[in-house]
Amino acid sequence: MRLFLITLFGVMTLFITYVVITTSLESSLFKEWDYLGSIPWMRATLWDFYANVLVLSTWVCYKESRLWKKAVWITLFCVLGSIATCTYVLIQLLNIKDGKPLKAVFTQKN
């Protein structure tokens, strides 16, 4: 199961990075912001995104012992979104020692 999750989050990280880069090359978010900000679904998506950032940040604050690591990861979640989230989970999966249960990803403090 761990290997499957490592593969899944690795592929997701690469895929979402590809999508963000190719979309950025096609269209500038900063040029499109006035239009996008006027769409109700875009505003709802942003509220949804930052609610997820709050949940993930709470988990990171529990897991990470150093303040600077907490601050860096929360900033990355806000700036990079799913790229940072998938990377964080992938790192947690890779850091599980052999023989430890998968729930260590959620409960083991760093």
PDB file of N, CA and C in Angstrom:
ATOM      1  N   MET A   1       0.823  -1.190   0.000  1.00  0.00           N
ATOM      2  CA  MET A   1       0.000   0.000   0.000  1.00  0.00           C
ATOM      3  C   MET A   1       0.872   1.262   0.000  1.00  0.00           C
ATOM      4  N   ARG A   2       1.963   1.227   0.786  1.00  0.00           N
ATOM      5  CA  ARG A   2       2.842   2.398   0.854  1.00  0.00           C
ATOM      6  C   ARG A   2       3.433   2.709  -0.516  1.00  0.00           C
ATOM      7  N   LEU A   3       3.903   1.683  -1.219  1.00  0.00           N
ATOM      8  CA  LEU A   3       4.481   1.873  -2.549  1.00  0.00           C
ATOM      9  C   LEU A   3       3.442   2.441  -3.519  1.00  0.00           C
ATOM     10  N   PHE A   4       2.220   1.949  -3.433  1.00  0.00           N
ATOM     11  CA  PHE A   4       1.142   2.477  -4.275  1.00  0.00           C
ATOM     12  C   PHE A   4       0.925   3.960  -3.994  1.00  0.00           C
ATOM     13  N   LEU A   5       0.889   4.347  -2.715  1.00  0.00           N
ATOM     14  CA  LEU A   5       0.667   5.751  -2.357  1.00  0.00           C
ATOM     15  C   LEU A   5       1.837   6.641  -2.769  1.00  0.00           C
ATOM     16  N   ILE A   6       3.050   6.129  -2.632  1.00  0.00           N
ATOM     17  CA  ILE A   6       4.222   6.886  -3.088  1.00  0.00           C
ATOM     18  C   ILE A   6       4.133   7.130  -4.594  1.00  0.00           C
ATOM     19  N   THR A   7       3.773   6.092  -5.329  1.00  0.00           N
ATOM     20  CA  THR A   7       3.610   6.223  -6.782  1.00  0.00           C
ATOM     21  C   THR A   7       2.489   7.194  -7.116  1.00  0.00           C
ATOM     22  N   LEU A   8       1.361   7.051  -6.449  1.00  0.00           N
ATOM     23  CA  LEU A   8       0.209   7.923  -6.694  1.00  0.00           C
ATOM     24  C   LEU A   8       0.558   9.390  -6.441  1.00  0.00           C
ATOM     25  N   PHE A   9       1.138   9.692  -5.288  1.00  0.00           N
ATOM     26  CA  PHE A   9       1.449  11.085  -4.973  1.00  0.00           C
ATOM     27  C   PHE A   9       2.604  11.605  -5.818  1.00  0.00           C
ATOM     28  N   GLY A  10       3.524  10.747  -6.208  1.00  0.00           N
ATOM     29  CA  GLY A  10       4.587  11.153  -7.126  1.00  0.00           C
ATOM     30  C   GLY A  10       4.027  11.545  -8.484  1.00  0.00           C
ATOM     31  N   VAL A  11       3.152  10.705  -9.011  1.00  0.00           N
ATOM     32  CA  VAL A  11       2.522  10.991 -10.312  1.00  0.00           C
ATOM     33  C   VAL A  11       1.651  12.239 -10.217  1.00  0.00           C
ATOM     34  N   MET A  12       0.901  12.379  -9.131  1.00  0.00           N
ATOM     35  CA  MET A  12       0.044  13.560  -8.964  1.00  0.00           C
ATOM     36  C   MET A  12       0.883  14.837  -8.901  1.00  0.00           C
ATOM     37  N   THR A  13       2.014  14.789  -8.197  1.00  0.00           N
ATOM     38  CA  THR A  13       2.888  15.956  -8.111  1.00  0.00           C
ATOM     39  C   THR A  13       3.401  16.349  -9.488  1.00  0.00           C
ATOM     40  N   LEU A  14       3.868  15.367 -10.247  1.00  0.00           N
ATOM     41  CA  LEU A  14       4.365  15.646 -11.594  1.00  0.00           C
ATOM     42  C   LEU A  14       3.255  16.155 -12.508  1.00  0.00           C
ATOM     43  N   PHE A  15       2.078  15.534 -12.433  1.00  0.00           N
ATOM     44  CA  PHE A  15       0.970  15.925 -13.302  1.00  0.00           C
ATOM     45  C   PHE A  15       0.500  17.345 -13.007  1.00  0.00           C
ATOM     46  N   ILE A  16       0.277  17.679 -11.740  1.00  0.00           N
ATOM     47  CA  ILE A  16      -0.236  19.013 -11.420  1.00  0.00           C
ATOM     48  C   ILE A  16       0.822  20.074 -11.722  1.00  0.00           C
ATOM     49  N   THR A  17       2.104  19.728 -11.556  1.00  0.00           N
ATOM     50  CA  THR A  17       3.173  20.662 -11.929  1.00  0.00           C
ATOM     51  C   THR A  17       3.143  20.918 -13.428  1.00  0.00           C
ATOM     52  N   TYR A  18       2.978  19.856 -14.212  1.00  0.00           N
ATOM     53  CA  TYR A  18       2.860  19.989 -15.668  1.00  0.00           C
ATOM     54  C   TYR A  18       1.665  20.866 -16.043  1.00  0.00           C
ATOM     55  N   VAL A  19       0.518  20.616 -15.428  1.00  0.00           N
ATOM     56  CA  VAL A  19      -0.696  21.389 -15.738  1.00  0.00           C
ATOM     57  C   VAL A  19      -0.493  22.862 -15.414  1.00  0.00           C
ATOM     58  N   VAL A  20       0.081  23.156 -14.263  1.00  0.00           N
ATOM     59  CA  VAL A  20       0.283  24.558 -13.865  1.00  0.00           C
ATOM     60  C   VAL A  20       1.273  25.253 -14.807  1.00  0.00           C
ATOM     61  N   ILE A  21       2.358  24.579 -15.144  1.00  0.00           N
ATOM     62  CA  ILE A  21       3.347  25.198 -16.033  1.00  0.00           C
ATOM     63  C   ILE A  21       2.778  25.437 -17.420  1.00  0.00           C
ATOM     64  N   THR A  22       2.127  24.429 -18.000  1.00  0.00           N
ATOM     65  CA  THR A  22       1.584  24.607 -19.358  1.00  0.00           C
ATOM     66  C   THR A  22       0.474  25.653 -19.381  1.00  0.00           C
ATOM     67  N   THR A  23      -0.333  25.696 -18.329  1.00  0.00           N
ATOM     68  CA  THR A  23      -1.391  26.709 -18.265  1.00  0.00           C
ATOM     69  C   THR A  23      -0.785  28.099 -18.112  1.00  0.00           C
ATOM     70  N   SER A  24       0.260  28.218 -17.300  1.00  0.00           N
ATOM     71  CA  SER A  24       0.922  29.507 -17.108  1.00  0.00           C
ATOM     72  C   SER A  24       1.547  30.015 -18.405  1.00  0.00           C
ATOM     73  N   LEU A  25       2.056  29.117 -19.215  1.00  0.00           N
ATOM     74  CA  LEU A  25       2.632  29.516 -20.490  1.00  0.00           C
ATOM     75  C   LEU A  25       1.560  29.967 -21.489  1.00  0.00           C
ATOM     76  N   GLU A  26       0.360  29.432 -21.332  1.00  0.00           N
ATOM     77  CA  GLU A  26      -0.761  29.772 -22.212  1.00  0.00           C
ATOM     78  C   GLU A  26      -1.471  31.048 -21.806  1.00  0.00           C
ATOM     79  N   SER A  27      -1.592  31.257 -20.495  1.00  0.00           N
ATOM     80  CA  SER A  27      -2.436  32.340 -19.990  1.00  0.00           C
ATOM     81  C   SER A  27      -1.882  32.859 -18.676  1.00  0.00           C
ATOM     82  N   SER A  28      -1.831  34.174 -18.540  1.00  0.00           N
ATOM     83  CA  SER A  28      -1.335  34.785 -17.308  1.00  0.00           C
ATOM     84  C   SER A  28      -2.477  34.993 -16.316  1.00  0.00           C
ATOM     85  N   LEU A  29      -2.336  34.416 -15.146  1.00  0.00           N
ATOM     86  CA  LEU A  29      -3.347  34.592 -14.103  1.00  0.00           C
ATOM     87  C   LEU A  29      -3.500  36.060 -13.742  1.00  0.00           C
ATOM     88  N   PHE A  30      -2.395  36.796 -13.736  1.00  0.00           N
ATOM     89  CA  PHE A  30      -2.439  38.202 -13.355  1.00  0.00           C
ATOM     90  C   PHE A  30      -3.169  39.049 -14.383  1.00  0.00           C
ATOM     91  N   LYS A  31      -3.039  38.709 -15.667  1.00  0.00           N
ATOM     92  CA  LYS A  31      -3.759  39.438 -16.717  1.00  0.00           C
ATOM     93  C   LYS A  31      -5.247  39.093 -16.711  1.00  0.00           C
ATOM     94  N   GLU A  32      -5.573  37.862 -16.324  1.00  0.00           N
ATOM     95  CA  GLU A  32      -6.954  37.377 -16.353  1.00  0.00           C
ATOM     96  C   GLU A  32      -7.691  37.608 -15.036  1.00  0.00           C
ATOM     97  N   TRP A  33      -7.013  38.137 -14.019  1.00  0.00           N
ATOM     98  CA  TRP A  33      -7.583  38.168 -12.678  1.00  0.00           C
ATOM     99  C   TRP A  33      -8.901  38.939 -12.591  1.00  0.00           C
ATOM    100  N   ASP A  34      -9.004  40.107 -13.245  1.00  0.00           N
ATOM    101  CA  ASP A  34     -10.245  40.886 -13.161  1.00  0.00           C
ATOM    102  C   ASP A  34     -11.438  40.079 -13.656  1.00  0.00           C
ATOM    103  N   TYR A  35     -11.233  39.381 -14.766  1.00  0.00           N
ATOM    104  CA  TYR A  35     -12.306  38.540 -15.301  1.00  0.00           C
ATOM    105  C   TYR A  35     -12.591  37.357 -14.366  1.00  0.00           C
ATOM    106  N   LEU A  36     -11.541  36.651 -13.984  1.00  0.00           N
ATOM    107  CA  LEU A  36     -11.726  35.466 -13.140  1.00  0.00           C
ATOM    108  C   LEU A  36     -12.340  35.813 -11.790  1.00  0.00           C
ATOM    109  N   GLY A  37     -11.916  36.913 -11.204  1.00  0.00           N
ATOM    110  CA  GLY A  37     -12.444  37.333  -9.905  1.00  0.00           C
ATOM    111  C   GLY A  37     -13.923  37.678  -9.946  1.00  0.00           C
ATOM    112  N   SER A  38     -14.446  37.958 -11.123  1.00  0.00           N
ATOM    113  CA  SER A  38     -15.865  38.308 -11.242  1.00  0.00           C
ATOM    114  C   SER A  38     -16.766  37.077 -11.348  1.00  0.00           C
ATOM    115  N   ILE A  39     -16.185  35.907 -11.526  1.00  0.00           N
ATOM    116  CA  ILE A  39     -16.959  34.673 -11.674  1.00  0.00           C
ATOM    117  C   ILE A  39     -17.249  34.097 -10.284  1.00  0.00           C
ATOM    118  N   PRO A  40     -18.529  33.919  -9.924  1.00  0.00           N
ATOM    119  CA  PRO A  40     -18.855  33.389  -8.597  1.00  0.00           C
ATOM    120  C   PRO A  40     -18.172  32.058  -8.274  1.00  0.00           C
ATOM    121  N   TRP A  41     -18.055  31.172  -9.266  1.00  0.00           N
ATOM    122  CA  TRP A  41     -17.424  29.876  -9.010  1.00  0.00           C
ATOM    123  C   TRP A  41     -15.937  30.026  -8.711  1.00  0.00           C
ATOM    124  N   MET A  42     -15.304  31.030  -9.284  1.00  0.00           N
ATOM    125  CA  MET A  42     -13.888  31.260  -8.984  1.00  0.00           C
ATOM    126  C   MET A  42     -13.738  31.702  -7.526  1.00  0.00           C
ATOM    127  N   ARG A  43     -14.619  32.585  -7.068  1.00  0.00           N
ATOM    128  CA  ARG A  43     -14.575  33.014  -5.667  1.00  0.00           C
ATOM    129  C   ARG A  43     -14.845  31.831  -4.743  1.00  0.00           C
ATOM    130  N   ALA A  44     -15.809  30.989  -5.095  1.00  0.00           N
ATOM    131  CA  ALA A  44     -16.107  29.813  -4.278  1.00  0.00           C
ATOM    132  C   ALA A  44     -14.919  28.849  -4.260  1.00  0.00           C
ATOM    133  N   THR A  45     -14.247  28.696  -5.404  1.00  0.00           N
ATOM    134  CA  THR A  45     -13.079  27.824  -5.483  1.00  0.00           C
ATOM    135  C   THR A  45     -11.953  28.341  -4.595  1.00  0.00           C
ATOM    136  N   LEU A  46     -11.749  29.642  -4.568  1.00  0.00           N
ATOM    137  CA  LEU A  46     -10.710  30.207  -3.703  1.00  0.00           C
ATOM    138  C   LEU A  46     -11.042  30.003  -2.224  1.00  0.00           C
ATOM    139  N   TRP A  47     -12.300  30.218  -1.851  1.00  0.00           N
ATOM    140  CA  TRP A  47     -12.699  29.956  -0.453  1.00  0.00           C
ATOM    141  C   TRP A  47     -12.479  28.491  -0.098  1.00  0.00           C
ATOM    142  N   ASP A  48     -12.831  27.603  -1.016  1.00  0.00           N
ATOM    143  CA  ASP A  48     -12.640  26.174  -0.808  1.00  0.00           C
ATOM    144  C   ASP A  48     -11.148  25.845  -0.677  1.00  0.00           C
ATOM    145  N   PHE A  49     -10.335  26.422  -1.531  1.00  0.00           N
ATOM    146  CA  PHE A  49      -8.891  26.196  -1.498  1.00  0.00           C
ATOM    147  C   PHE A  49      -8.311  26.609  -0.150  1.00  0.00           C
ATOM    148  N   TYR A  50      -8.655  27.795   0.318  1.00  0.00           N
ATOM    149  CA  TYR A  50      -8.066  28.263   1.572  1.00  0.00           C
ATOM    150  C   TYR A  50      -8.637  27.540   2.789  1.00  0.00           C
ATOM    151  N   ALA A  51      -9.834  27.005   2.686  1.00  0.00           N
ATOM    152  CA  ALA A  51     -10.338  26.142   3.763  1.00  0.00           C
ATOM    153  C   ALA A  51      -9.485  24.873   3.836  1.00  0.00           C
ATOM    154  N   ASN A  52      -9.136  24.319   2.680  1.00  0.00           N
ATOM    155  CA  ASN A  52      -8.247  23.152   2.645  1.00  0.00           C
ATOM    156  C   ASN A  52      -6.856  23.500   3.166  1.00  0.00           C
ATOM    157  N   VAL A  53      -6.363  24.686   2.844  1.00  0.00           N
ATOM    158  CA  VAL A  53      -5.059  25.118   3.361  1.00  0.00           C
ATOM    159  C   VAL A  53      -5.103  25.180   4.886  1.00  0.00           C
ATOM    160  N   LEU A  54      -6.208  25.633   5.444  1.00  0.00           N
ATOM    161  CA  LEU A  54      -6.339  25.687   6.904  1.00  0.00           C
ATOM    162  C   LEU A  54      -6.275  24.285   7.515  1.00  0.00           C
ATOM    163  N   VAL A  55      -6.963  23.337   6.908  1.00  0.00           N
ATOM    164  CA  VAL A  55      -6.935  21.950   7.402  1.00  0.00           C
ATOM    165  C   VAL A  55      -5.516  21.386   7.305  1.00  0.00           C
ATOM    166  N   LEU A  56      -4.879  21.550   6.157  1.00  0.00           N
ATOM    167  CA  LEU A  56      -3.520  21.041   5.975  1.00  0.00           C
ATOM    168  C   LEU A  56      -2.535  21.732   6.916  1.00  0.00           C
ATOM    169  N   SER A  57      -2.715  23.019   7.131  1.00  0.00           N
ATOM    170  CA  SER A  57      -1.829  23.770   8.020  1.00  0.00           C
ATOM    171  C   SER A  57      -1.949  23.280   9.455  1.00  0.00           C
ATOM    172  N   THR A  58      -3.147  22.931   9.858  1.00  0.00           N
ATOM    173  CA  THR A  58      -3.350  22.380  11.203  1.00  0.00           C
ATOM    174  C   THR A  58      -2.583  21.075  11.354  1.00  0.00           C
ATOM    175  N   TRP A  59      -2.644  20.232  10.332  1.00  0.00           N
ATOM    176  CA  TRP A  59      -1.919  18.961  10.346  1.00  0.00           C
ATOM    177  C   TRP A  59      -0.408  19.202  10.396  1.00  0.00           C
ATOM    178  N   VAL A  60       0.079  20.140   9.586  1.00  0.00           N
ATOM    179  CA  VAL A  60       1.511  20.446   9.559  1.00  0.00           C
ATOM    180  C   VAL A  60       1.961  20.995  10.916  1.00  0.00           C
ATOM    181  N   CYS A  61       1.146  21.824  11.532  1.00  0.00           N
ATOM    182  CA  CYS A  61       1.504  22.367  12.854  1.00  0.00           C
ATOM    183  C   CYS A  61       1.586  21.257  13.901  1.00  0.00           C
ATOM    184  N   TYR A  62       0.783  20.232  13.760  1.00  0.00           N
ATOM    185  CA  TYR A  62       0.864  19.073  14.652  1.00  0.00           C
ATOM    186  C   TYR A  62       2.129  18.257  14.360  1.00  0.00           C
ATOM    187  N   LYS A  63       2.401  17.997  13.076  1.00  0.00           N
ATOM    188  CA  LYS A  63       3.487  17.093  12.688  1.00  0.00           C
ATOM    189  C   LYS A  63       4.870  17.696  12.846  1.00  0.00           C
ATOM    190  N   GLU A  64       5.026  18.937  12.468  1.00  0.00           N
ATOM    191  CA  GLU A  64       6.362  19.540  12.440  1.00  0.00           C
ATOM    192  C   GLU A  64       6.694  20.174  13.791  1.00  0.00           C
ATOM    193  N   SER A  65       7.915  19.946  14.246  1.00  0.00           N
ATOM    194  CA  SER A  65       8.317  20.481  15.551  1.00  0.00           C
ATOM    195  C   SER A  65       8.970  21.855  15.440  1.00  0.00           C
ATOM    196  N   ARG A  66       9.532  22.171  14.298  1.00  0.00           N
ATOM    197  CA  ARG A  66      10.238  23.449  14.142  1.00  0.00           C
ATOM    198  C   ARG A  66       9.324  24.502  13.518  1.00  0.00           C
ATOM    199  N   LEU A  67       9.341  25.684  14.120  1.00  0.00           N
ATOM    200  CA  LEU A  67       8.483  26.778  13.661  1.00  0.00           C
ATOM    201  C   LEU A  67       8.779  27.159  12.215  1.00  0.00           C
ATOM    202  N   TRP A  68      10.040  27.184  11.837  1.00  0.00           N
ATOM    203  CA  TRP A  68      10.389  27.590  10.481  1.00  0.00           C
ATOM    204  C   TRP A  68       9.850  26.598   9.451  1.00  0.00           C
ATOM    205  N   LYS A  69       9.842  25.300   9.789  1.00  0.00           N
ATOM    206  CA  LYS A  69       9.287  24.306   8.861  1.00  0.00           C
ATOM    207  C   LYS A  69       7.783  24.497   8.709  1.00  0.00           C
ATOM    208  N   LYS A  70       7.107  24.769   9.810  1.00  0.00           N
ATOM    209  CA  LYS A  70       5.668  25.038   9.752  1.00  0.00           C
ATOM    210  C   LYS A  70       5.399  26.222   8.832  1.00  0.00           C
ATOM    211  N   ALA A  71       6.147  27.302   9.033  1.00  0.00           N
ATOM    212  CA  ALA A  71       5.948  28.521   8.239  1.00  0.00           C
ATOM    213  C   ALA A  71       6.232  28.286   6.755  1.00  0.00           C
ATOM    214  N   VAL A  72       7.302  27.557   6.464  1.00  0.00           N
ATOM    215  CA  VAL A  72       7.655  27.288   5.064  1.00  0.00           C
ATOM    216  C   VAL A  72       6.572  26.460   4.386  1.00  0.00           C
ATOM    217  N   TRP A  73       6.126  25.379   5.039  1.00  0.00           N
ATOM    218  CA  TRP A  73       5.112  24.525   4.413  1.00  0.00           C
ATOM    219  C   TRP A  73       3.783  25.251   4.242  1.00  0.00           C
ATOM    220  N   ILE A  74       3.369  26.017   5.229  1.00  0.00           N
ATOM    221  CA  ILE A  74       2.098  26.746   5.102  1.00  0.00           C
ATOM    222  C   ILE A  74       2.188  27.762   3.969  1.00  0.00           C
ATOM    223  N   THR A  75       3.326  28.436   3.850  1.00  0.00           N
ATOM    224  CA  THR A  75       3.523  29.380   2.742  1.00  0.00           C
ATOM    225  C   THR A  75       3.480  28.658   1.401  1.00  0.00           C
ATOM    226  N   LEU A  76       4.155  27.500   1.332  1.00  0.00           N
ATOM    227  CA  LEU A  76       4.125  26.727   0.085  1.00  0.00           C
ATOM    228  C   LEU A  76       2.717  26.258  -0.259  1.00  0.00           C
ATOM    229  N   PHE A  77       1.938  25.850   0.742  1.00  0.00           N
ATOM    230  CA  PHE A  77       0.549  25.451   0.486  1.00  0.00           C
ATOM    231  C   PHE A  77      -0.229  26.613  -0.123  1.00  0.00           C
ATOM    232  N   CYS A  78      -0.042  27.811   0.423  1.00  0.00           N
ATOM    233  CA  CYS A  78      -0.765  28.986  -0.075  1.00  0.00           C
ATOM    234  C   CYS A  78      -0.335  29.381  -1.482  1.00  0.00           C
ATOM    235  N   VAL A  79       0.957  29.250  -1.769  1.00  0.00           N
ATOM    236  CA  VAL A  79       1.497  29.706  -3.050  1.00  0.00           C
ATOM    237  C   VAL A  79       1.395  28.639  -4.142  1.00  0.00           C
ATOM    238  N   LEU A  80       1.699  27.399  -3.785  1.00  0.00           N
ATOM    239  CA  LEU A  80       1.761  26.336  -4.794  1.00  0.00           C
ATOM    240  C   LEU A  80       0.573  25.383  -4.788  1.00  0.00           C
ATOM    241  N   GLY A  81      -0.276  25.462  -3.767  1.00  0.00           N
ATOM    242  CA  GLY A  81      -1.468  24.627  -3.723  1.00  0.00           C
ATOM    243  C   GLY A  81      -1.181  23.140  -3.724  1.00  0.00           C
ATOM    244  N   SER A  82      -1.784  22.436  -4.673  1.00  0.00           N
ATOM    245  CA  SER A  82      -1.690  20.975  -4.735  1.00  0.00           C
ATOM    246  C   SER A  82      -0.274  20.473  -4.975  1.00  0.00           C
ATOM    247  N   ILE A  83       0.549  21.279  -5.633  1.00  0.00           N
ATOM    248  CA  ILE A  83       1.939  20.862  -5.852  1.00  0.00           C
ATOM    249  C   ILE A  83       2.620  20.679  -4.499  1.00  0.00           C
ATOM    250  N   ALA A  84       2.457  21.659  -3.611  1.00  0.00           N
ATOM    251  CA  ALA A  84       3.066  21.573  -2.281  1.00  0.00           C
ATOM    252  C   ALA A  84       2.405  20.493  -1.436  1.00  0.00           C
ATOM    253  N   THR A  85       1.091  20.373  -1.526  1.00  0.00           N
ATOM    254  CA  THR A  85       0.376  19.368  -0.744  1.00  0.00           C
ATOM    255  C   THR A  85       0.828  17.959  -1.112  1.00  0.00           C
ATOM    256  N   CYS A  86       0.854  17.662  -2.402  1.00  0.00           N
ATOM    257  CA  CYS A  86       1.292  16.330  -2.848  1.00  0.00           C
ATOM    258  C   CYS A  86       2.745  16.076  -2.477  1.00  0.00           C
ATOM    259  N   THR A  87       3.582  17.101  -2.591  1.00  0.00           N
ATOM    260  CA  THR A  87       4.993  16.951  -2.223  1.00  0.00           C
ATOM    261  C   THR A  87       5.133  16.658  -0.739  1.00  0.00           C
ATOM    262  N   TYR A  88       4.377  17.368   0.097  1.00  0.00           N
ATOM    263  CA  TYR A  88       4.453  17.147   1.542  1.00  0.00           C
ATOM    264  C   TYR A  88       4.039  15.719   1.899  1.00  0.00           C
ATOM    265  N   VAL A  89       2.932  15.264   1.341  1.00  0.00           N
ATOM    266  CA  VAL A  89       2.462  13.906   1.621  1.00  0.00           C
ATOM    267  C   VAL A  89       3.481  12.885   1.104  1.00  0.00           C
ATOM    268  N   LEU A  90       4.027  13.117  -0.074  1.00  0.00           N
ATOM    269  CA  LEU A  90       5.041  12.214  -0.629  1.00  0.00           C
ATOM    270  C   LEU A  90       6.246  12.121   0.302  1.00  0.00           C
ATOM    271  N   ILE A  91       6.714  13.244   0.809  1.00  0.00           N
ATOM    272  CA  ILE A  91       7.844  13.242   1.743  1.00  0.00           C
ATOM    273  C   ILE A  91       7.495  12.459   3.004  1.00  0.00           C
ATOM    274  N   GLN A  92       6.273  12.640   3.509  1.00  0.00           N
ATOM    275  CA  GLN A  92       5.860  11.911   4.712  1.00  0.00           C
ATOM    276  C   GLN A  92       5.840  10.404   4.456  1.00  0.00           C
ATOM    277  N   LEU A  93       5.368  10.013   3.285  1.00  0.00           N
ATOM    278  CA  LEU A  93       5.349   8.588   2.933  1.00  0.00           C
ATOM    279  C   LEU A  93       6.759   8.025   2.807  1.00  0.00           C
ATOM    280  N   LEU A  94       7.651   8.794   2.218  1.00  0.00           N
ATOM    281  CA  LEU A  94       9.027   8.330   2.053  1.00  0.00           C
ATOM    282  C   LEU A  94       9.771   8.246   3.383  1.00  0.00           C
ATOM    283  N   ASN A  95       9.341   9.023   4.371  1.00  0.00           N
ATOM    284  CA  ASN A  95      10.010   9.045   5.672  1.00  0.00           C
ATOM    285  C   ASN A  95       9.531   7.973   6.644  1.00  0.00           C
ATOM    286  N   ILE A  96       8.520   7.198   6.254  1.00  0.00           N
ATOM    287  CA  ILE A  96       8.055   6.118   7.130  1.00  0.00           C
ATOM    288  C   ILE A  96       9.115   5.023   7.135  1.00  0.00           C
ATOM    289  N   LYS A  97       9.536   4.639   8.297  1.00  0.00           N
ATOM    290  CA  LYS A  97      10.526   3.573   8.428  1.00  0.00           C
ATOM    291  C   LYS A  97       9.866   2.239   8.091  1.00  0.00           C
ATOM    292  N   ASP A  98      10.654   1.315   7.562  1.00  0.00           N
ATOM    293  CA  ASP A  98      10.139  -0.020   7.256  1.00  0.00           C
ATOM    294  C   ASP A  98       9.569  -0.658   8.514  1.00  0.00           C
ATOM    295  N   GLY A  99       8.432  -1.270   8.375  1.00  0.00           N
ATOM    296  CA  GLY A  99       7.793  -1.943   9.499  1.00  0.00           C
ATOM    297  C   GLY A  99       6.799  -1.065  10.247  1.00  0.00           C
ATOM    298  N   LYS A 100       6.865   0.257  10.029  1.00  0.00           N
ATOM    299  CA  LYS A 100       5.904   1.151  10.690  1.00  0.00           C
ATOM    300  C   LYS A 100       4.580   1.102   9.933  1.00  0.00           C
ATOM    301  N   PRO A 101       3.470   1.211  10.653  1.00  0.00           N
ATOM    302  CA  PRO A 101       2.178   1.210   9.962  1.00  0.00           C
ATOM    303  C   PRO A 101       1.968   2.501   9.167  1.00  0.00           C
ATOM    304  N   LEU A 102       1.134   2.421   8.171  1.00  0.00           N
ATOM    305  CA  LEU A 102       0.858   3.564   7.298  1.00  0.00           C
ATOM    306  C   LEU A 102       0.269   4.754   8.078  1.00  0.00           C
ATOM    307  N   LYS A 103      -0.407   4.470   9.185  1.00  0.00           N
ATOM    308  CA  LYS A 103      -0.994   5.558   9.951  1.00  0.00           C
ATOM    309  C   LYS A 103       0.072   6.489  10.537  1.00  0.00           C
ATOM    310  N   ALA A 104       1.326   6.070  10.510  1.00  0.00           N
ATOM    311  CA  ALA A 104       2.419   6.923  10.970  1.00  0.00           C
ATOM    312  C   ALA A 104       2.498   8.211  10.167  1.00  0.00           C
ATOM    313  N   VAL A 105       2.048   8.167   8.907  1.00  0.00           N
ATOM    314  CA  VAL A 105       2.016   9.382   8.083  1.00  0.00           C
ATOM    315  C   VAL A 105       1.217  10.466   8.791  1.00  0.00           C
ATOM    316  N   PHE A 106       0.133  10.073   9.430  1.00  0.00           N
ATOM    317  CA  PHE A 106      -0.749  11.044  10.081  1.00  0.00           C
ATOM    318  C   PHE A 106      -0.355  11.360  11.519  1.00  0.00           C
ATOM    319  N   THR A 107       0.179  10.372  12.208  1.00  0.00           N
ATOM    320  CA  THR A 107       0.368  10.519  13.652  1.00  0.00           C
ATOM    321  C   THR A 107       1.796  10.772  14.090  1.00  0.00           C
ATOM    322  N   GLN A 108       2.771  10.310  13.324  1.00  0.00           N
ATOM    323  CA  GLN A 108       4.165  10.427  13.728  1.00  0.00           C
ATOM    324  C   GLN A 108       4.638  11.873  13.566  1.00  0.00           C
ATOM    325  N   LYS A 109       5.179  12.447  14.624  1.00  0.00           N
ATOM    326  CA  LYS A 109       5.685  13.820  14.548  1.00  0.00           C
ATOM    327  C   LYS A 109       7.088  13.809  13.979  1.00  0.00           C
ATOM    328  N   ASN A 110       7.418  14.875  13.272  1.00  0.00           N
ATOM    329  CA  ASN A 110       8.739  14.990  12.646  1.00  0.00           C
ATOM    330  C   ASN A 110       9.691  15.738  13.567  1.00  0.00           C
TER     331      ASN A 110
END
